Amino acid sequence: MFSWLKKYDVHLSPPVRGIVTLDGKPVAGAQVMRELTYDSDFIDKTVTAADGSFSFPEKNIRSRKPGSLQEMRTRQVISLQYQNKPYLLWYLTTSSITPQQAIVQKLSSLQCDLNNEELEQVFTNYEKPDFPHSTFSICRWNDELLTKVTE
C-alpha cells in the first residue's frame, strides 16, 4: 500500500577494472573519475598505477525511487584526464537496478588506449536480448558479441 515509503536495493555499478595505455605503453598517474547518477550523483576518483591499471569497487545504494511511478535510469560515466585532455572510457545508461551480465563483463576488463577513436559500441544484453546495450568509449574488448557503430 505504501510502496513509495519502501526502500529498494539499486545496483549502480559492478566492480570496474581497466588498463590505460598510450601506443601500448602504460599510462601512470592519470586521474580517472567515475560518475554514477540515479536520483543523485555519486562521484569517486582514482589514479592509474605504474602499469596503467585502475579500479573502482562495486556501488549499490538504497532508494525509494523504484517504488515510484517515475521511470529512473542509471547513468555510468568513466572518464580520464591526461595531459590536460579528457578521454571517455565508458558512457552507458540503463533502466536496470540489478547487475547485468554483459555490463559486468565489460567493466571488469576495460582496455583503453588513448589513441583509440571514441566509438558507439553495441553489445548483447543477456537479460533482454531484444534491447542491446550501447556504450560510448575509447576502450576495446576481445569479444565477438561487440558491434562497432560508425557514422
C-alpha atoms as a PDB file:
ATOM      1  CA  MET A   1       0.000   0.000   0.000  1.00  0.00           C
ATOM      2  CA  PHE A   2       2.793   2.425   0.873  1.00  0.00           C
ATOM      3  CA  SER A   3       5.344   1.215  -1.687  1.00  0.00           C
ATOM      4  CA  TRP A   4       6.656   4.772  -2.083  1.00  0.00           C
ATOM      5  CA  LEU A   5       7.969   4.509   1.513  1.00  0.00           C
ATOM      6  CA  LYS A   6       9.789   1.240   0.910  1.00  0.00           C
ATOM      7  CA  LYS A   7      13.499   1.383   0.083  1.00  0.00           C
ATOM      8  CA  TYR A   8      14.898  -0.850  -2.651  1.00  0.00           C
ATOM      9  CA  ASP A   9      18.411  -2.070  -3.401  1.00  0.00           C
ATOM     10  CA  VAL A  10      19.710  -0.288  -6.503  1.00  0.00           C
ATOM     11  CA  HIS A  11      22.824  -1.502  -8.314  1.00  0.00           C
ATOM     12  CA  LEU A  12      24.687   1.469  -9.819  1.00  0.00           C
ATOM     13  CA  SER A  13      27.888  -0.209 -10.993  1.00  0.00           C
ATOM     14  CA  PRO A  14      29.729  -3.512 -10.826  1.00  0.00           C
ATOM     15  CA  PRO A  15      33.415  -3.504  -9.887  1.00  0.00           C
ATOM     16  CA  VAL A  16      35.480  -1.735 -12.546  1.00  0.00           C
ATOM     17  CA  ARG A  17      38.946  -2.803 -13.651  1.00  0.00           C
ATOM     18  CA  GLY A  18      40.895  -1.373 -16.526  1.00  0.00           C
ATOM     19  CA  ILE A  19      44.245  -0.597 -18.052  1.00  0.00           C
ATOM     20  CA  VAL A  20      45.133   2.668 -19.783  1.00  0.00           C
ATOM     21  CA  THR A  21      47.881   2.763 -22.380  1.00  0.00           C
ATOM     22  CA  LEU A  22      49.258   5.164 -24.971  1.00  0.00           C
ATOM     23  CA  ASP A  23      50.587   3.379 -28.047  1.00  0.00           C
ATOM     24  CA  GLY A  24      50.590   0.179 -25.991  1.00  0.00           C
ATOM     25  CA  LYS A  25      52.683   1.649 -23.141  1.00  0.00           C
ATOM     26  CA  PRO A  26      51.159   2.054 -19.643  1.00  0.00           C
ATOM     27  CA  VAL A  27      49.886   5.489 -18.654  1.00  0.00           C
ATOM     28  CA  ALA A  28      50.766   6.061 -14.983  1.00  0.00           C
ATOM     29  CA  GLY A  29      49.440   8.819 -12.741  1.00  0.00           C
ATOM     30  CA  ALA A  30      46.388   9.770 -14.818  1.00  0.00           C
ATOM     31  CA  GLN A  31      43.251  10.746 -12.918  1.00  0.00           C
ATOM     32  CA  VAL A  32      40.229   8.501 -13.548  1.00  0.00           C
ATOM     33  CA  MET A  33      36.763   9.611 -12.434  1.00  0.00           C
ATOM     34  CA  ARG A  34      33.597   7.526 -12.145  1.00  0.00           C
ATOM     35  CA  GLU A  35      30.288   9.389 -12.024  1.00  0.00           C
ATOM     36  CA  LEU A  36      27.148   7.387 -11.311  1.00  0.00           C
ATOM     37  CA  THR A  37      23.738   9.032 -11.447  1.00  0.00           C
ATOM     38  CA  TYR A  38      20.463   7.671 -10.097  1.00  0.00           C
ATOM     39  CA  ASP A  39      18.398  10.400  -8.468  1.00  0.00           C
ATOM     40  CA  SER A  40      21.706  11.813  -7.136  1.00  0.00           C
ATOM     41  CA  ASP A  41      25.292  11.911  -8.366  1.00  0.00           C
ATOM     42  CA  PHE A  42      27.922   9.633  -6.844  1.00  0.00           C
ATOM     43  CA  ILE A  43      31.491  10.508  -7.814  1.00  0.00           C
ATOM     44  CA  ASP A  44      34.722   8.736  -6.997  1.00  0.00           C
ATOM     45  CA  LYS A  45      38.249   9.186  -8.335  1.00  0.00           C
ATOM     46  CA  THR A  46      41.436   7.213  -8.561  1.00  0.00           C
ATOM     47  CA  VAL A  47      44.824   7.432 -10.282  1.00  0.00           C
ATOM     48  CA  THR A  48      46.327   4.893 -12.671  1.00  0.00           C
ATOM     49  CA  ALA A  49      49.136   2.773 -11.250  1.00  0.00           C
ATOM     50  CA  ALA A  50      52.613   2.349 -12.782  1.00  0.00           C
ATOM     51  CA  ASP A  51      51.269  -0.425 -15.036  1.00  0.00           C
ATOM     52  CA  GLY A  52      48.345   1.776 -16.187  1.00  0.00           C
ATOM     53  CA  SER A  53      45.782  -0.162 -14.168  1.00  0.00           C
ATOM     54  CA  PHE A  54      42.896   1.320 -12.193  1.00  0.00           C
ATOM     55  CA  SER A  55      39.815   0.036 -10.395  1.00  0.00           C
ATOM     56  CA  PHE A  56      36.647   1.070  -8.616  1.00  0.00           C
ATOM     57  CA  PRO A  57      34.573  -1.024  -6.204  1.00  0.00           C
ATOM     58  CA  GLU A  58      31.001  -2.114  -6.843  1.00  0.00           C
ATOM     59  CA  LYS A  59      28.463   0.605  -5.973  1.00  0.00           C
ATOM     60  CA  ASN A  60      24.968  -0.076  -4.608  1.00  0.00           C
ATOM     61  CA  ILE A  61      22.541   2.235  -2.831  1.00  0.00           C
ATOM     62  CA  ARG A  62      19.114   2.089  -1.168  1.00  0.00           C
ATOM     63  CA  SER A  63      16.407   4.233  -2.765  1.00  0.00           C
ATOM     64  CA  ARG A  64      12.667   4.789  -2.723  1.00  0.00           C
ATOM     65  CA  LYS A  65      12.640   5.723  -6.433  1.00  0.00           C
ATOM     66  CA  PRO A  66      11.994   2.193  -7.810  1.00  0.00           C
ATOM     67  CA  GLY A  67       8.643   2.211  -5.962  1.00  0.00           C
ATOM     68  CA  SER A  68       7.518   5.446  -7.607  1.00  0.00           C
ATOM     69  CA  LEU A  69       5.702   5.753 -10.914  1.00  0.00           C
ATOM     70  CA  GLN A  70       8.637   7.703 -12.336  1.00  0.00           C
ATOM     71  CA  GLU A  71      10.965   5.761 -14.658  1.00  0.00           C
ATOM     72  CA  MET A  72      14.539   6.083 -13.457  1.00  0.00           C
ATOM     73  CA  ARG A  73      17.708   5.376 -15.391  1.00  0.00           C
ATOM     74  CA  THR A  74      21.211   4.805 -14.110  1.00  0.00           C
ATOM     75  CA  ARG A  75      23.947   6.740 -15.892  1.00  0.00           C
ATOM     76  CA  GLN A  76      27.525   5.463 -15.728  1.00  0.00           C
ATOM     77  CA  VAL A  77      30.387   7.683 -16.873  1.00  0.00           C
ATOM     78  CA  ILE A  78      34.061   6.816 -16.508  1.00  0.00           C
ATOM     79  CA  SER A  79      36.491   9.421 -17.789  1.00  0.00           C
ATOM     80  CA  LEU A  80      40.202  10.054 -17.655  1.00  0.00           C
ATOM     81  CA  GLN A  81      42.211  13.271 -17.603  1.00  0.00           C
ATOM     82  CA  TYR A  82      45.695  13.008 -19.091  1.00  0.00           C
ATOM     83  CA  GLN A  83      47.976  15.900 -20.052  1.00  0.00           C
ATOM     84  CA  ASN A  84      45.030  18.309 -19.701  1.00  0.00           C
ATOM     85  CA  LYS A  85      42.920  16.340 -22.174  1.00  0.00           C
ATOM     86  CA  PRO A  86      39.716  14.429 -21.304  1.00  0.00           C
ATOM     87  CA  TYR A  87      39.056  10.890 -22.551  1.00  0.00           C
ATOM     88  CA  LEU A  88      35.783   8.978 -22.335  1.00  0.00           C
ATOM     89  CA  LEU A  89      36.417   5.442 -21.120  1.00  0.00           C
ATOM     90  CA  TRP A  90      32.748   4.476 -20.650  1.00  0.00           C
ATOM     91  CA  TYR A  91      29.310   6.056 -21.020  1.00  0.00           C
ATOM     92  CA  LEU A  92      26.156   3.990 -20.611  1.00  0.00           C
ATOM     93  CA  THR A  93      22.606   4.422 -19.364  1.00  0.00           C
ATOM     94  CA  THR A  94      20.377   1.580 -18.224  1.00  0.00           C
ATOM     95  CA  SER A  95      16.961   1.194 -16.659  1.00  0.00           C
ATOM     96  CA  SER A  96      18.011  -1.903 -14.706  1.00  0.00           C
ATOM     97  CA  ILE A  97      18.557  -1.679 -10.944  1.00  0.00           C
ATOM     98  CA  THR A  98      20.175  -5.123 -10.816  1.00  0.00           C
ATOM     99  CA  PRO A  99      23.551  -6.254 -12.221  1.00  0.00           C
ATOM    100  CA  GLN A 100      23.520  -7.045 -15.946  1.00  0.00           C
ATOM    101  CA  GLN A 101      25.895  -9.776 -17.069  1.00  0.00           C
ATOM    102  CA  ALA A 102      27.287  -8.058 -20.180  1.00  0.00           C
ATOM    103  CA  ILE A 103      27.961  -4.780 -18.341  1.00  0.00           C
ATOM    104  CA  VAL A 104      29.673  -6.672 -15.506  1.00  0.00           C
ATOM    105  CA  GLN A 105      31.893  -8.427 -18.092  1.00  0.00           C
ATOM    106  CA  LYS A 106      32.785  -5.247 -19.989  1.00  0.00           C
ATOM    107  CA  LEU A 107      33.558  -3.181 -16.874  1.00  0.00           C
ATOM    108  CA  SER A 108      35.807  -5.933 -15.493  1.00  0.00           C
ATOM    109  CA  SER A 109      38.209  -5.649 -18.429  1.00  0.00           C
ATOM    110  CA  LEU A 110      38.456  -2.138 -19.895  1.00  0.00           C
ATOM    111  CA  GLN A 111      41.388  -1.987 -22.339  1.00  0.00           C
ATOM    112  CA  CYS A 112      41.820   1.695 -23.141  1.00  0.00           C
ATOM    113  CA  ASP A 113      44.482   3.078 -25.444  1.00  0.00           C
ATOM    114  CA  LEU A 114      44.382   6.886 -25.572  1.00  0.00           C
ATOM    115  CA  ASN A 115      44.902   6.800 -29.350  1.00  0.00           C
ATOM    116  CA  ASN A 116      41.716   4.786 -29.901  1.00  0.00           C
ATOM    117  CA  GLU A 117      38.832   6.567 -31.552  1.00  0.00           C
ATOM    118  CA  GLU A 118      35.783   7.121 -29.364  1.00  0.00           C
ATOM    119  CA  LEU A 119      33.056   4.897 -30.789  1.00  0.00           C
ATOM    120  CA  GLU A 120      29.499   3.921 -30.029  1.00  0.00           C
ATOM    121  CA  GLN A 121      29.736   0.195 -29.352  1.00  0.00           C
ATOM    122  CA  VAL A 122      26.709  -2.073 -29.168  1.00  0.00           C
ATOM    123  CA  PHE A 123      26.772  -5.400 -27.340  1.00  0.00           C
ATOM    124  CA  THR A 124      24.412  -8.171 -26.287  1.00  0.00           C
ATOM    125  CA  ASN A 125      22.019  -7.663 -23.399  1.00  0.00           C
ATOM    126  CA  TYR A 126      21.761 -11.203 -21.994  1.00  0.00           C
ATOM    127  CA  GLU A 127      18.804 -10.380 -19.750  1.00  0.00           C
ATOM    128  CA  LYS A 128      16.809  -8.650 -22.549  1.00  0.00           C
ATOM    129  CA  PRO A 129      18.236  -9.747 -25.917  1.00  0.00           C
ATOM    130  CA  ASP A 130      15.817  -7.548 -27.889  1.00  0.00           C
ATOM    131  CA  PHE A 131      17.324  -4.448 -26.247  1.00  0.00           C
ATOM    132  CA  PRO A 132      21.117  -4.449 -26.771  1.00  0.00           C
ATOM    133  CA  HIS A 133      23.389  -2.262 -24.678  1.00  0.00           C
ATOM    134  CA  SER A 134      25.131   0.727 -26.223  1.00  0.00           C
ATOM    135  CA  THR A 135      28.187   2.461 -24.821  1.00  0.00           C
ATOM    136  CA  PHE A 136      30.445   5.260 -25.991  1.00  0.00           C
ATOM    137  CA  SER A 137      34.088   4.513 -25.290  1.00  0.00           C
ATOM    138  CA  ILE A 138      37.708   4.557 -26.398  1.00  0.00           C
ATOM    139  CA  CYS A 139      38.110   1.155 -24.728  1.00  0.00           C
ATOM    140  CA  ARG A 140      38.045  -2.154 -26.572  1.00  0.00           C
ATOM    141  CA  TRP A 141      37.320  -5.764 -25.700  1.00  0.00           C
ATOM    142  CA  ASN A 142      38.278  -9.076 -27.265  1.00  0.00           C
ATOM    143  CA  ASP A 143      34.666 -10.026 -27.768  1.00  0.00           C
ATOM    144  CA  GLU A 144      32.807 -11.339 -30.761  1.00  0.00           C
ATOM    145  CA  LEU A 145      29.482 -10.033 -29.361  1.00  0.00           C
ATOM    146  CA  LEU A 146      30.544  -6.422 -29.831  1.00  0.00           C
ATOM    147  CA  THR A 147      29.427  -4.409 -32.830  1.00  0.00           C
ATOM    148  CA  LYS A 148      31.092  -1.081 -33.562  1.00  0.00           C
ATOM    149  CA  VAL A 149      28.706   1.561 -34.805  1.00  0.00           C
ATOM    150  CA  THR A 150      30.232   4.167 -37.064  1.00  0.00           C
ATOM    151  CA  GLU A 151      28.689   7.199 -38.696  1.00  0.00           C
END
